[in-house]
PDB file of N, CA and C in Angstrom:
ATOM      1  N   UNK A   1      26.422  88.917 131.207  1.00  0.00           N
ATOM      2  CA  UNK A   1      26.122  90.192 131.532  1.00  0.00           C
ATOM      3  C   UNK A   1      24.437  90.035 132.481  1.00  0.00           C
ATOM      4  N   UNK A   2      24.076  90.315 133.223  1.00  0.00           N
ATOM      5  CA  UNK A   2      22.776  90.367 133.513  1.00  0.00           C
ATOM      6  C   UNK A   2      22.057  91.624 132.614  1.00  0.00           C
ATOM      7  N   UNK A   3      20.865  91.650 132.031  1.00  0.00           N
ATOM      8  CA  UNK A   3      20.230  93.100 131.736  1.00  0.00           C
ATOM      9  C   UNK A   3      19.448  93.657 132.817  1.00  0.00           C
ATOM     10  N   UNK A   4      19.662  94.753 132.914  1.00  0.00           N
ATOM     11  CA  UNK A   4      19.107  95.753 133.558  1.00  0.00           C
ATOM     12  C   UNK A   4      17.861  96.032 133.300  1.00  0.00           C
ATOM     13  N   UNK A   5      17.291  96.461 133.884  1.00  0.00           N
ATOM     14  CA  UNK A   5      15.419  97.284 133.348  1.00  0.00           C
ATOM     15  C   UNK A   5      15.704  98.009 132.618  1.00  0.00           C
ATOM     16  N   UNK A   6      15.132  98.179 131.600  1.00  0.00           N
ATOM     17  CA  UNK A   6      14.297  98.891 130.735  1.00  0.00           C
ATOM     18  C   UNK A   6      13.257  99.541 130.894  1.00  0.00           C
ATOM     19  N   UNK A   7      12.534 100.939 130.928  1.00  0.00           N
ATOM     20  CA  UNK A   7      10.973 100.735 130.930  1.00  0.00           C
ATOM     21  C   UNK A   7      10.859 101.426 129.656  1.00  0.00           C
ATOM     22  N   UNK A   8       9.593 101.661 129.549  1.00  0.00           N
ATOM     23  CA  UNK A   8       8.525 101.749 128.018  1.00  0.00           C
ATOM     24  C   UNK A   8       8.646 103.553 128.271  1.00  0.00           C
ATOM     25  N   UNK A   9       8.519 104.159 127.071  1.00  0.00           N
ATOM     26  CA  UNK A   9       8.406 105.703 127.132  1.00  0.00           C
ATOM     27  C   UNK A   9       7.369 105.959 127.946  1.00  0.00           C
ATOM     28  N   UNK A  10       5.919 105.343 128.375  1.00  0.00           N
ATOM     29  CA  UNK A  10       4.990 105.784 129.333  1.00  0.00           C
ATOM     30  C   UNK A  10       5.183 105.922 130.462  1.00  0.00           C
ATOM     31  N   UNK A  11       6.623 104.407 131.090  1.00  0.00           N
ATOM     32  CA  UNK A  11       6.760 104.779 132.327  1.00  0.00           C
ATOM     33  C   UNK A  11       7.738 105.288 132.857  1.00  0.00           C
ATOM     34  N   UNK A  12       8.888 105.154 131.479  1.00  0.00           N
ATOM     35  CA  UNK A  12       9.789 106.234 131.783  1.00  0.00           C
ATOM     36  C   UNK A  12       9.244 107.904 132.288  1.00  0.00           C
ATOM     37  N   UNK A  13       8.456 108.418 131.379  1.00  0.00           N
ATOM     38  CA  UNK A  13       7.406 109.630 131.447  1.00  0.00           C
ATOM     39  C   UNK A  13       6.945 109.637 132.604  1.00  0.00           C
ATOM     40  N   UNK A  14       6.459 109.192 133.587  1.00  0.00           N
ATOM     41  CA  UNK A  14       5.629 109.013 134.277  1.00  0.00           C
ATOM     42  C   UNK A  14       6.195 108.970 136.045  1.00  0.00           C
ATOM     43  N   UNK A  15       7.952 108.703 135.674  1.00  0.00           N
ATOM     44  CA  UNK A  15       8.904 108.494 136.807  1.00  0.00           C
ATOM     45  C   UNK A  15       8.769 109.672 137.317  1.00  0.00           C
ATOM     46  N   UNK A  16       8.320 110.951 138.125  1.00  0.00           N
ATOM     47  CA  UNK A  16       8.983 111.983 138.589  1.00  0.00           C
ATOM     48  C   UNK A  16       8.690 111.753 140.220  1.00  0.00           C
ATOM     49  N   UNK A  17       7.660 110.464 140.547  1.00  0.00           N
ATOM     50  CA  UNK A  17       7.708 110.895 141.880  1.00  0.00           C
ATOM     51  C   UNK A  17       9.013 110.059 142.679  1.00  0.00           C
ATOM     52  N   UNK A  18       8.938 111.056 143.906  1.00  0.00           N
ATOM     53  CA  UNK A  18       9.634 110.864 144.748  1.00  0.00           C
ATOM     54  C   UNK A  18      10.528 109.262 145.049  1.00  0.00           C
ATOM     55  N   UNK A  19      11.498 108.998 145.422  1.00  0.00           N
ATOM     56  CA  UNK A  19      12.173 107.537 145.329  1.00  0.00           C
ATOM     57  C   UNK A  19      11.981 106.977 146.834  1.00  0.00           C
ATOM     58  N   UNK A  20      12.912 106.472 147.014  1.00  0.00           N
ATOM     59  CA  UNK A  20      12.954 106.144 148.437  1.00  0.00           C
ATOM     60  C   UNK A  20      13.326 107.323 149.711  1.00  0.00           C
ATOM     61  N   UNK A  21      12.558 107.549 150.391  1.00  0.00           N
ATOM     62  CA  UNK A  21      12.621 108.695 151.518  1.00  0.00           C
ATOM     63  C   UNK A  21      13.467 108.678 152.724  1.00  0.00           C
ATOM     64  N   UNK A  22      13.640 107.200 152.784  1.00  0.00           N
ATOM     65  CA  UNK A  22      15.145 106.889 153.867  1.00  0.00           C
ATOM     66  C   UNK A  22      16.311 107.069 153.200  1.00  0.00           C
ATOM     67  N   UNK A  23      16.641 107.227 151.668  1.00  0.00           N
ATOM     68  CA  UNK A  23      17.891 107.091 151.516  1.00  0.00           C
ATOM     69  C   UNK A  23      18.372 108.449 150.732  1.00  0.00           C
ATOM     70  N   UNK A  24      20.050 108.417 150.867  1.00  0.00           N
ATOM     71  CA  UNK A  24      20.596 109.989 150.532  1.00  0.00           C
ATOM     72  C   UNK A  24      20.451 110.105 149.246  1.00  0.00           C
ATOM     73  N   UNK A  25      20.679 111.410 149.029  1.00  0.00           N
ATOM     74  CA  UNK A  25      20.834 111.954 147.173  1.00  0.00           C
ATOM     75  C   UNK A  25      21.665 110.753 146.781  1.00  0.00           C
ATOM     76  N   UNK A  26      22.946 110.616 147.406  1.00  0.00           N
ATOM     77  CA  UNK A  26      23.800 109.498 146.832  1.00  0.00           C
ATOM     78  C   UNK A  26      23.638 108.193 146.627  1.00  0.00           C
ATOM     79  N   UNK A  27      22.579 107.852 147.559  1.00  0.00           N
ATOM     80  CA  UNK A  27      22.405 106.156 147.421  1.00  0.00           C
ATOM     81  C   UNK A  27      21.399 106.169 146.371  1.00  0.00           C
ATOM     82  N   UNK A  28      20.245 107.564 146.214  1.00  0.00           N
ATOM     83  CA  UNK A  28      19.286 107.614 145.440  1.00  0.00           C
ATOM     84  C   UNK A  28      20.072 107.138 143.878  1.00  0.00           C
ATOM     85  N   UNK A  29      20.930 107.761 143.684  1.00  0.00           N
ATOM     86  CA  UNK A  29      21.481 107.730 142.490  1.00  0.00           C
ATOM     87  C   UNK A  29      22.128 106.269 142.086  1.00  0.00           C
ATOM     88  N   UNK A  30      22.922 105.996 143.094  1.00  0.00           N
ATOM     89  CA  UNK A  30      23.623 104.656 143.234  1.00  0.00           C
ATOM     90  C   UNK A  30      22.309 103.443 143.120  1.00  0.00           C
ATOM     91  N   UNK A  31      21.228 103.965 143.841  1.00  0.00           N
ATOM     92  CA  UNK A  31      20.469 102.581 143.487  1.00  0.00           C
ATOM     93  C   UNK A  31      19.422 103.053 142.176  1.00  0.00           C
ATOM     94  N   UNK A  32      19.501 103.611 141.714  1.00  0.00           N
ATOM     95  CA  UNK A  32      19.034 104.190 140.542  1.00  0.00           C
ATOM     96  C   UNK A  32      20.050 103.067 138.772  1.00  0.00           C
ATOM     97  N   UNK A  33      20.927 103.876 139.341  1.00  0.00           N
ATOM     98  CA  UNK A  33      22.047 103.278 138.217  1.00  0.00           C
ATOM     99  C   UNK A  33      22.145 101.952 138.337  1.00  0.00           C
ATOM    100  N   UNK A  34      22.281 101.293 139.441  1.00  0.00           N
ATOM    101  CA  UNK A  34      22.479 100.087 139.339  1.00  0.00           C
ATOM    102  C   UNK A  34      21.246  98.995 138.741  1.00  0.00           C
ATOM    103  N   UNK A  35      20.273  99.402 139.374  1.00  0.00           N
ATOM    104  CA  UNK A  35      18.976  99.206 138.625  1.00  0.00           C
ATOM    105  C   UNK A  35      18.236  99.108 137.215  1.00  0.00           C
ATOM    106  N   UNK A  36      18.522 100.269 136.712  1.00  0.00           N
ATOM    107  CA  UNK A  36      18.189 100.160 135.143  1.00  0.00           C
ATOM    108  C   UNK A  36      19.184 100.537 134.227  1.00  0.00           C
ATOM    109  N   UNK A  37      19.017  99.756 133.397  1.00  0.00           N
ATOM    110  CA  UNK A  37      19.952  99.764 132.125  1.00  0.00           C
ATOM    111  C   UNK A  37      20.592 101.099 131.823  1.00  0.00           C
ATOM    112  N   UNK A  38      19.600 102.211 131.971  1.00  0.00           N
ATOM    113  CA  UNK A  38      19.917 103.621 131.344  1.00  0.00           C
ATOM    114  C   UNK A  38      18.590 104.507 132.027  1.00  0.00           C
ATOM    115  N   UNK A  39      19.908 105.362 132.739  1.00  0.00           N
ATOM    116  CA  UNK A  39      19.005 106.106 133.968  1.00  0.00           C
ATOM    117  C   UNK A  39      19.437 108.262 133.250  1.00  0.00           C
ATOM    118  N   UNK A  40      18.180 108.973 132.889  1.00  0.00           N
ATOM    119  CA  UNK A  40      18.619 110.055 132.505  1.00  0.00           C
ATOM    120  C   UNK A  40      18.377 110.717 133.590  1.00  0.00           C
ATOM    121  N   UNK A  41      18.872 111.928 134.063  1.00  0.00           N
ATOM    122  CA  UNK A  41      18.930 112.612 135.046  1.00  0.00           C
ATOM    123  C   UNK A  41      18.269 113.950 134.379  1.00  0.00           C
ATOM    124  N   UNK A  42      17.654 114.368 134.659  1.00  0.00           N
ATOM    125  CA  UNK A  42      16.933 115.646 133.110  1.00  0.00           C
ATOM    126  C   UNK A  42      16.107 116.871 134.443  1.00  0.00           C
ATOM    127  N   UNK A  43      15.608 117.733 133.599  1.00  0.00           N
ATOM    128  CA  UNK A  43      14.857 118.764 134.387  1.00  0.00           C
ATOM    129  C   UNK A  43      13.719 119.178 133.019  1.00  0.00           C
ATOM    130  N   UNK A  44      12.679 119.097 133.297  1.00  0.00           N
ATOM    131  CA  UNK A  44      11.378 119.569 132.105  1.00  0.00           C
ATOM    132  C   UNK A  44      11.829 121.134 131.115  1.00  0.00           C
ATOM    133  N   UNK A  45      12.560 122.277 132.447  1.00  0.00           N
ATOM    134  CA  UNK A  45      12.873 123.330 131.080  1.00  0.00           C
ATOM    135  C   UNK A  45      14.359 122.997 130.332  1.00  0.00           C
ATOM    136  N   UNK A  46      14.979 121.990 130.644  1.00  0.00           N
ATOM    137  CA  UNK A  46      16.052 122.325 130.103  1.00  0.00           C
ATOM    138  C   UNK A  46      16.286 121.343 128.277  1.00  0.00           C
ATOM    139  N   UNK A  47      16.323 122.056 127.724  1.00  0.00           N
ATOM    140  CA  UNK A  47      16.653 121.631 125.860  1.00  0.00           C
ATOM    141  C   UNK A  47      17.248 120.967 125.891  1.00  0.00           C
ATOM    142  N   UNK A  48      18.366 120.741 126.580  1.00  0.00           N
ATOM    143  CA  UNK A  48      19.416 119.619 126.399  1.00  0.00           C
ATOM    144  C   UNK A  48      19.074 118.190 127.013  1.00  0.00           C
ATOM    145  N   UNK A  49      18.462 118.320 127.992  1.00  0.00           N
ATOM    146  CA  UNK A  49      17.660 116.935 128.179  1.00  0.00           C
ATOM    147  C   UNK A  49      16.472 116.830 127.494  1.00  0.00           C
ATOM    148  N   UNK A  50      15.536 117.134 126.747  1.00  0.00           N
ATOM    149  CA  UNK A  50      14.872 116.833 125.588  1.00  0.00           C
ATOM    150  C   UNK A  50      15.379 116.377 124.806  1.00  0.00           C
ATOM    151  N   UNK A  51      16.958 116.595 123.931  1.00  0.00           N
ATOM    152  CA  UNK A  51      17.388 115.923 123.085  1.00  0.00           C
ATOM    153  C   UNK A  51      18.050 114.590 123.742  1.00  0.00           C
ATOM    154  N   UNK A  52      18.409 114.163 124.632  1.00  0.00           N
ATOM    155  CA  UNK A  52      18.794 113.300 125.587  1.00  0.00           C
ATOM    156  C   UNK A  52      17.727 112.319 125.115  1.00  0.00           C
ATOM    157  N   UNK A  53      16.338 112.631 125.834  1.00  0.00           N
ATOM    158  CA  UNK A  53      15.518 111.162 125.972  1.00  0.00           C
ATOM    159  C   UNK A  53      14.827 111.298 124.243  1.00  0.00           C
ATOM    160  N   UNK A  54      14.899 112.452 123.674  1.00  0.00           N
ATOM    161  CA  UNK A  54      14.462 112.234 122.414  1.00  0.00           C
ATOM    162  C   UNK A  54      15.460 110.786 121.585  1.00  0.00           C
ATOM    163  N   UNK A  55      16.659 111.196 121.951  1.00  0.00           N
ATOM    164  CA  UNK A  55      17.274 110.359 121.394  1.00  0.00           C
ATOM    165  C   UNK A  55      17.078 108.710 122.014  1.00  0.00           C
ATOM    166  N   UNK A  56      16.999 108.242 123.033  1.00  0.00           N
ATOM    167  CA  UNK A  56      16.779 107.449 123.511  1.00  0.00           C
ATOM    168  C   UNK A  56      15.418 107.290 122.650  1.00  0.00           C
ATOM    169  N   UNK A  57      14.657 107.695 122.685  1.00  0.00           N
ATOM    170  CA  UNK A  57      13.436 107.034 122.322  1.00  0.00           C
ATOM    171  C   UNK A  57      13.170 106.809 120.911  1.00  0.00           C
ATOM    172  N   UNK A  58      14.016 107.401 120.470  1.00  0.00           N
ATOM    173  CA  UNK A  58      13.892 107.182 118.896  1.00  0.00           C
ATOM    174  C   UNK A  58      14.676 106.239 118.605  1.00  0.00           C
ATOM    175  N   UNK A  59      15.464 105.490 119.315  1.00  0.00           N
ATOM    176  CA  UNK A  59      16.093 104.460 119.283  1.00  0.00           C
ATOM    177  C   UNK A  59      15.417 103.393 119.451  1.00  0.00           C
ATOM    178  N   UNK A  60      14.516 103.653 120.588  1.00  0.00           N
ATOM    179  CA  UNK A  60      13.485 102.270 121.072  1.00  0.00           C
ATOM    180  C   UNK A  60      13.964 102.353 122.391  1.00  0.00           C
ATOM    181  N   UNK A  61      14.632 102.916 123.043  1.00  0.00           N
ATOM    182  CA  UNK A  61      15.270 102.692 124.394  1.00  0.00           C
ATOM    183  C   UNK A  61      14.027 103.842 125.370  1.00  0.00           C
ATOM    184  N   UNK A  62      13.485 102.777 126.553  1.00  0.00           N
ATOM    185  CA  UNK A  62      13.016 103.635 127.648  1.00  0.00           C
ATOM    186  C   UNK A  62      13.830 103.476 128.744  1.00  0.00           C
ATOM    187  N   UNK A  63      14.656 104.788 129.030  1.00  0.00           N
ATOM    188  CA  UNK A  63      15.544 104.714 130.144  1.00  0.00           C
ATOM    189  C   UNK A  63      14.570 105.204 131.302  1.00  0.00           C
ATOM    190  N   UNK A  64      14.832 105.114 132.375  1.00  0.00           N
ATOM    191  CA  UNK A  64      14.440 105.817 133.678  1.00  0.00           C
ATOM    192  C   UNK A  64      14.823 107.154 133.581  1.00  0.00           C
ATOM    193  N   UNK A  65      14.196 107.942 133.428  1.00  0.00           N
ATOM    194  CA  UNK A  65      14.244 109.265 133.593  1.00  0.00           C
ATOM    195  C   UNK A  65      13.545 110.037 135.203  1.00  0.00           C
ATOM    196  N   UNK A  66      14.547 110.559 135.338  1.00  0.00           N
ATOM    197  CA  UNK A  66      14.339 111.275 137.134  1.00  0.00           C
ATOM    198  C   UNK A  66      14.423 112.863 136.462  1.00  0.00           C
ATOM    199  N   UNK A  67      12.889 113.595 136.639  1.00  0.00           N
ATOM    200  CA  UNK A  67      13.473 114.607 136.524  1.00  0.00           C
ATOM    201  C   UNK A  67      13.510 115.866 137.931  1.00  0.00           C
ATOM    202  N   UNK A  68      14.398 116.021 137.583  1.00  0.00           N
ATOM    203  CA  UNK A  68      14.958 117.059 139.306  1.00  0.00           C
ATOM    204  C   UNK A  68      14.178 117.753 139.707  1.00  0.00           C
ATOM    205  N   UNK A  69      13.704 118.559 138.984  1.00  0.00           N
ATOM    206  CA  UNK A  69      12.737 119.898 139.405  1.00  0.00           C
ATOM    207  C   UNK A  69      11.565 119.416 139.587  1.00  0.00           C
ATOM    208  N   UNK A  70      10.922 118.249 139.780  1.00  0.00           N
ATOM    209  CA  UNK A  70       9.586 117.670 140.426  1.00  0.00           C
ATOM    210  C   UNK A  70      10.131 116.689 141.435  1.00  0.00           C
ATOM    211  N   UNK A  71      11.284 116.353 141.687  1.00  0.00           N
ATOM    212  CA  UNK A  71      11.531 115.331 142.573  1.00  0.00           C
ATOM    213  C   UNK A  71      12.357 115.856 143.859  1.00  0.00           C
ATOM    214  N   UNK A  72      11.502 115.369 145.339  1.00  0.00           N
ATOM    215  CA  UNK A  72      11.714 115.957 146.119  1.00  0.00           C
ATOM    216  C   UNK A  72      13.127 116.130 146.913  1.00  0.00           C
ATOM    217  N   UNK A  73      14.172 115.411 146.046  1.00  0.00           N
ATOM    218  CA  UNK A  73      15.341 115.314 146.491  1.00  0.00           C
ATOM    219  C   UNK A  73      16.149 115.591 145.483  1.00  0.00           C
ATOM    220  N   UNK A  74      15.562 116.726 144.599  1.00  0.00           N
ATOM    221  CA  UNK A  74      16.091 116.940 143.231  1.00  0.00           C
ATOM    222  C   UNK A  74      17.423 117.751 143.441  1.00  0.00           C
ATOM    223  N   UNK A  75      17.364 118.834 144.210  1.00  0.00           N
ATOM    224  CA  UNK A  75      18.711 119.964 144.870  1.00  0.00           C
ATOM    225  C   UNK A  75      19.594 118.695 145.295  1.00  0.00           C
ATOM    226  N   UNK A  76      19.586 117.782 145.902  1.00  0.00           N
ATOM    227  CA  UNK A  76      20.737 117.005 146.838  1.00  0.00           C
ATOM    228  C   UNK A  76      21.194 116.002 145.393  1.00  0.00           C
ATOM    229  N   UNK A  77      20.517 115.569 144.684  1.00  0.00           N
ATOM    230  CA  UNK A  77      20.671 114.730 143.394  1.00  0.00           C
ATOM    231  C   UNK A  77      21.669 115.468 142.827  1.00  0.00           C
ATOM    232  N   UNK A  78      21.269 116.810 142.360  1.00  0.00           N
ATOM    233  CA  UNK A  78      22.067 117.692 141.095  1.00  0.00           C
ATOM    234  C   UNK A  78      23.558 117.636 142.053  1.00  0.00           C
ATOM    235  N   UNK A  79      23.769 117.927 143.071  1.00  0.00           N
ATOM    236  CA  UNK A  79      24.905 118.071 143.811  1.00  0.00           C
ATOM    237  C   UNK A  79      25.643 116.526 143.827  1.00  0.00           C
ATOM    238  N   UNK A  80      25.169 115.277 143.704  1.00  0.00           N
ATOM    239  CA  UNK A  80      25.631 114.133 143.325  1.00  0.00           C
ATOM    240  C   UNK A  80      26.259 114.158 142.419  1.00  0.00           C
ATOM    241  N   UNK A  81      25.438 114.489 140.882  1.00  0.00           N
ATOM    242  CA  UNK A  81      25.736 114.312 139.779  1.00  0.00           C
ATOM    243  C   UNK A  81      26.626 115.722 139.439  1.00  0.00           C
ATOM    244  N   UNK A  82      26.985 116.826 140.242  1.00  0.00           N
ATOM    245  CA  UNK A  82      28.001 117.372 139.938  1.00  0.00           C
ATOM    246  C   UNK A  82      29.210 116.990 140.467  1.00  0.00           C
ATOM    247  N   UNK A  83      29.174 116.407 140.874  1.00  0.00           N
ATOM    248  CA  UNK A  83      30.434 115.221 141.497  1.00  0.00           C
ATOM    249  C   UNK A  83      30.936 114.615 140.168  1.00  0.00           C
ATOM    250  N   UNK A  84      30.009 113.858 139.527  1.00  0.00           N
ATOM    251  CA  UNK A  84      30.470 112.943 138.754  1.00  0.00           C
ATOM    252  C   UNK A  84      30.550 113.806 137.450  1.00  0.00           C
ATOM    253  N   UNK A  85      30.180 114.962 137.138  1.00  0.00           N
ATOM    254  CA  UNK A  85      30.784 115.253 136.254  1.00  0.00           C
ATOM    255  C   UNK A  85      31.557 116.273 136.086  1.00  0.00           C
ATOM    256  N   UNK A  86      31.812 116.945 137.347  1.00  0.00           N
ATOM    257  CA  UNK A  86      33.059 118.057 137.218  1.00  0.00           C
ATOM    258  C   UNK A  86      32.330 118.918 137.311  1.00  0.00           C
ATOM    259  N   UNK A  87      31.331 119.515 136.699  1.00  0.00           N
ATOM    260  CA  UNK A  87      30.598 120.366 136.324  1.00  0.00           C
ATOM    261  C   UNK A  87      29.755 121.450 137.390  1.00  0.00           C
ATOM    262  N   UNK A  88      29.546 122.472 137.558  1.00  0.00           N
ATOM    263  CA  UNK A  88      27.904 122.900 138.255  1.00  0.00           C
ATOM    264  C   UNK A  88      26.762 122.862 137.084  1.00  0.00           C
ATOM    265  N   UNK A  89      27.106 122.144 136.343  1.00  0.00           N
ATOM    266  CA  UNK A  89      25.793 122.287 134.955  1.00  0.00           C
ATOM    267  C   UNK A  89      25.827 120.725 134.924  1.00  0.00           C
ATOM    268  N   UNK A  90      25.351 119.288 135.554  1.00  0.00           N
ATOM    269  CA  UNK A  90      25.542 118.256 135.137  1.00  0.00           C
ATOM    270  C   UNK A  90      24.044 117.859 134.574  1.00  0.00           C
ATOM    271  N   UNK A  91      23.203 118.470 133.857  1.00  0.00           N
ATOM    272  CA  UNK A  91      22.048 118.344 133.642  1.00  0.00           C
ATOM    273  C   UNK A  91      22.203 118.535 132.221  1.00  0.00           C
ATOM    274  N   UNK A  92      21.700 117.444 131.068  1.00  0.00           N
ATOM    275  CA  UNK A  92      20.989 116.311 131.037  1.00  0.00           C
ATOM    276  C   UNK A  92      22.354 115.373 132.396  1.00  0.00           C
ATOM    277  N   UNK A  93      22.468 114.156 133.009  1.00  0.00           N
ATOM    278  CA  UNK A  93      23.371 113.078 133.288  1.00  0.00           C
ATOM    279  C   UNK A  93      22.966 111.674 133.022  1.00  0.00           C
ATOM    280  N   UNK A  94      23.576 111.115 132.013  1.00  0.00           N
ATOM    281  CA  UNK A  94      23.154 109.884 131.245  1.00  0.00           C
ATOM    282  C   UNK A  94      24.117 108.486 131.807  1.00  0.00           C
ATOM    283  N   UNK A  95      23.872 107.464 132.318  1.00  0.00           N
ATOM    284  CA  UNK A  95      24.187 106.828 132.809  1.00  0.00           C
ATOM    285  C   UNK A  95      23.609 105.380 132.232  1.00  0.00           C
ATOM    286  N   UNK A  96      24.557 104.444 131.665  1.00  0.00           N
ATOM    287  CA  UNK A  96      24.071 103.545 130.576  1.00  0.00           C
ATOM    288  C   UNK A  96      25.026 102.099 131.458  1.00  0.00           C
ATOM    289  N   UNK A  97      24.469 101.162 131.819  1.00  0.00           N
ATOM    290  CA  UNK A  97      24.899  99.852 132.588  1.00  0.00           C
ATOM    291  C   UNK A  97      25.631 100.505 133.778  1.00  0.00           C
ATOM    292  N   UNK A  98      25.022 101.034 134.683  1.00  0.00           N
ATOM    293  CA  UNK A  98      25.673 101.616 135.679  1.00  0.00           C
ATOM    294  C   UNK A  98      26.678 102.457 135.663  1.00  0.00           C
ATOM    295  N   UNK A  99      27.112 103.027 134.698  1.00  0.00           N
ATOM    296  CA  UNK A  99      28.271 103.784 134.693  1.00  0.00           C
ATOM    297  C   UNK A  99      28.341 105.260 133.986  1.00  0.00           C
ATOM    298  N   UNK A 100      28.410 106.301 134.351  1.00  0.00           N
ATOM    299  CA  UNK A 100      28.177 107.563 134.089  1.00  0.00           C
ATOM    300  C   UNK A 100      28.895 107.842 132.842  1.00  0.00           C
ATOM    301  N   UNK A 101      27.821 107.923 131.759  1.00  0.00           N
ATOM    302  CA  UNK A 101      28.360 108.562 130.504  1.00  0.00           C
ATOM    303  C   UNK A 101      29.260 109.652 130.461  1.00  0.00           C
ATOM    304  N   UNK A 102      28.022 110.755 130.723  1.00  0.00           N
ATOM    305  CA  UNK A 102      27.879 111.922 130.732  1.00  0.00           C
ATOM    306  C   UNK A 102      26.818 112.832 130.314  1.00  0.00           C
ATOM    307  N   UNK A 103      26.831 114.261 129.770  1.00  0.00           N
ATOM    308  CA  UNK A 103      25.696 114.915 129.393  1.00  0.00           C
ATOM    309  C   UNK A 103      25.251 114.711 127.514  1.00  0.00           C
ATOM    310  N   UNK A 104      25.278 115.534 127.213  1.00  0.00           N
ATOM    311  CA  UNK A 104      24.647 115.649 125.990  1.00  0.00           C
ATOM    312  C   UNK A 104      25.529 115.676 125.040  1.00  0.00           C
ATOM    313  N   UNK A 105      26.606 116.035 125.248  1.00  0.00           N
ATOM    314  CA  UNK A 105      27.931 116.195 123.808  1.00  0.00           C
ATOM    315  C   UNK A 105      28.057 114.805 123.931  1.00  0.00           C
ATOM    316  N   UNK A 106      28.295 113.827 125.402  1.00  0.00           N
ATOM    317  CA  UNK A 106      29.432 113.062 125.600  1.00  0.00           C
ATOM    318  C   UNK A 106      28.170 112.038 124.500  1.00  0.00           C
ATOM    319  N   UNK A 107      27.172 111.997 125.140  1.00  0.00           N
ATOM    320  CA  UNK A 107      25.774 110.932 124.130  1.00  0.00           C
ATOM    321  C   UNK A 107      25.964 111.047 122.913  1.00  0.00           C
ATOM    322  N   UNK A 108      26.236 112.145 122.322  1.00  0.00           N
ATOM    323  CA  UNK A 108      25.781 112.725 120.785  1.00  0.00           C
ATOM    324  C   UNK A 108      27.126 112.303 120.052  1.00  0.00           C
ATOM    325  N   UNK A 109      28.307 112.351 121.224  1.00  0.00           N
ATOM    326  CA  UNK A 109      29.449 111.976 120.281  1.00  0.00           C
ATOM    327  C   UNK A 109      29.676 110.141 120.267  1.00  0.00           C
ATOM    328  N   UNK A 110      29.306 110.024 121.317  1.00  0.00           N
ATOM    329  CA  UNK A 110      29.166 108.038 121.194  1.00  0.00           C
ATOM    330  C   UNK A 110      28.348 107.587 120.331  1.00  0.00           C
ATOM    331  N   UNK A 111      27.281 108.260 120.021  1.00  0.00           N
ATOM    332  CA  UNK A 111      26.292 107.757 119.147  1.00  0.00           C
ATOM    333  C   UNK A 111      26.905 107.910 117.701  1.00  0.00           C
ATOM    334  N   UNK A 112      27.608 109.361 117.621  1.00  0.00           N
ATOM    335  CA  UNK A 112      27.968 109.502 116.568  1.00  0.00           C
ATOM    336  C   UNK A 112      29.330 108.501 116.145  1.00  0.00           C
ATOM    337  N   UNK A 113      29.876 108.082 116.517  1.00  0.00           N
ATOM    338  CA  UNK A 113      30.996 107.086 116.888  1.00  0.00           C
ATOM    339  C   UNK A 113      30.654 105.722 116.458  1.00  0.00           C
ATOM    340  N   UNK A 114      29.208 105.526 117.206  1.00  0.00           N
ATOM    341  CA  UNK A 114      28.734 104.257 116.444  1.00  0.00           C
ATOM    342  C   UNK A 114      28.909 103.194 117.401  1.00  0.00           C
ATOM    343  N   UNK A 115      28.637 103.607 118.705  1.00  0.00           N
ATOM    344  CA  UNK A 115      29.219 103.129 120.147  1.00  0.00           C
ATOM    345  C   UNK A 115      28.200 102.947 120.969  1.00  0.00           C
ATOM    346  N   UNK A 116      27.092 104.018 120.693  1.00  0.00           N
ATOM    347  CA  UNK A 116      26.067 103.797 121.724  1.00  0.00           C
ATOM    348  C   UNK A 116      24.990 102.468 121.587  1.00  0.00           C
ATOM    349  N   UNK A 117      24.712 102.376 120.183  1.00  0.00           N
ATOM    350  CA  UNK A 117      23.823 101.083 120.092  1.00  0.00           C
ATOM    351  C   UNK A 117      24.144  99.942 120.756  1.00  0.00           C
ATOM    352  N   UNK A 118      25.631  99.450 120.137  1.00  0.00           N
ATOM    353  CA  UNK A 118      26.245  98.338 120.501  1.00  0.00           C
ATOM    354  C   UNK A 118      26.334  97.971 122.511  1.00  0.00           C
ATOM    355  N   UNK A 119      26.604  99.601 122.662  1.00  0.00           N
ATOM    356  CA  UNK A 119      26.441  99.680 124.341  1.00  0.00           C
ATOM    357  C   UNK A 119      24.902  99.554 125.083  1.00  0.00           C
ATOM    358  N   UNK A 120      23.829 100.130 124.232  1.00  0.00           N
ATOM    359  CA  UNK A 120      22.864  99.756 124.483  1.00  0.00           C
ATOM    360  C   UNK A 120      22.252  98.425 124.853  1.00  0.00           C
ATOM    361  N   UNK A 121      22.791  97.820 123.689  1.00  0.00           N
ATOM    362  CA  UNK A 121      22.433  96.175 123.381  1.00  0.00           C
ATOM    363  C   UNK A 121      23.251  95.302 124.214  1.00  0.00           C
ATOM    364  N   UNK A 122      24.566  95.856 124.883  1.00  0.00           N
ATOM    365  CA  UNK A 122      25.460  94.679 125.837  1.00  0.00           C
ATOM    366  C   UNK A 122      24.750  94.836 126.878  1.00  0.00           C
ATOM    367  N   UNK A 123      23.646  95.974 127.653  1.00  0.00           N
ATOM    368  CA  UNK A 123      23.019  96.603 128.855  1.00  0.00           C
ATOM    369  C   UNK A 123      21.685  95.775 128.844  1.00  0.00           C
ATOM    370  N   UNK A 124      21.665  95.359 127.805  1.00  0.00           N
ATOM    371  CA  UNK A 124      19.887  95.061 127.897  1.00  0.00           C
ATOM    372  C   UNK A 124      19.118  95.958 127.577  1.00  0.00           C
ATOM    373  N   UNK A 125      19.403  96.974 127.076  1.00  0.00           N
ATOM    374  CA  UNK A 125      18.486  98.358 126.975  1.00  0.00           C
ATOM    375  C   UNK A 125      17.637  98.237 125.833  1.00  0.00           C
ATOM    376  N   UNK A 126      18.711  97.579 125.035  1.00  0.00           N
ATOM    377  CA  UNK A 126      18.145  97.940 123.221  1.00  0.00           C
ATOM    378  C   UNK A 126      18.212  95.936 122.784  1.00  0.00           C
ATOM    379  N   UNK A 127      17.269  95.578 122.187  1.00  0.00           N
ATOM    380  CA  UNK A 127      17.270  94.029 121.514  1.00  0.00           C
ATOM    381  C   UNK A 127      17.202  94.102 120.374  1.00  0.00           C
ATOM    382  N   UNK A 128      16.977  94.864 119.463  1.00  0.00           N
ATOM    383  CA  UNK A 128      17.533  94.780 118.017  1.00  0.00           C
ATOM    384  C   UNK A 128      18.643  95.181 117.142  1.00  0.00           C
TER     385      UNK A 128
END
């Protein structure tokens, strides 16, 4: 399996700029999740988003972080994420290896079950 892109913490924290202007929110989500090993859709004022980002950073993973409250297409992207999650509160939304994992509860359960680190290694987001 070809490793997907990973980012350093600095890159992840500064990734709030608008993406492709000619893309629909659905295309933006598809493009990001197929281009990066780990993508976190987040909001700055969401404490659960902070937990998700902190977990990845503490493991040495630099996810692609998209802060929806700073993104020009944030509301549209959030609507797309509602379809993935099946809820009206899809933030944070975590994608690993191009697949939707879920939110903070799913991520923590995956980690507690000792499945997260091996999966991150498999998709090229973690090398140790």
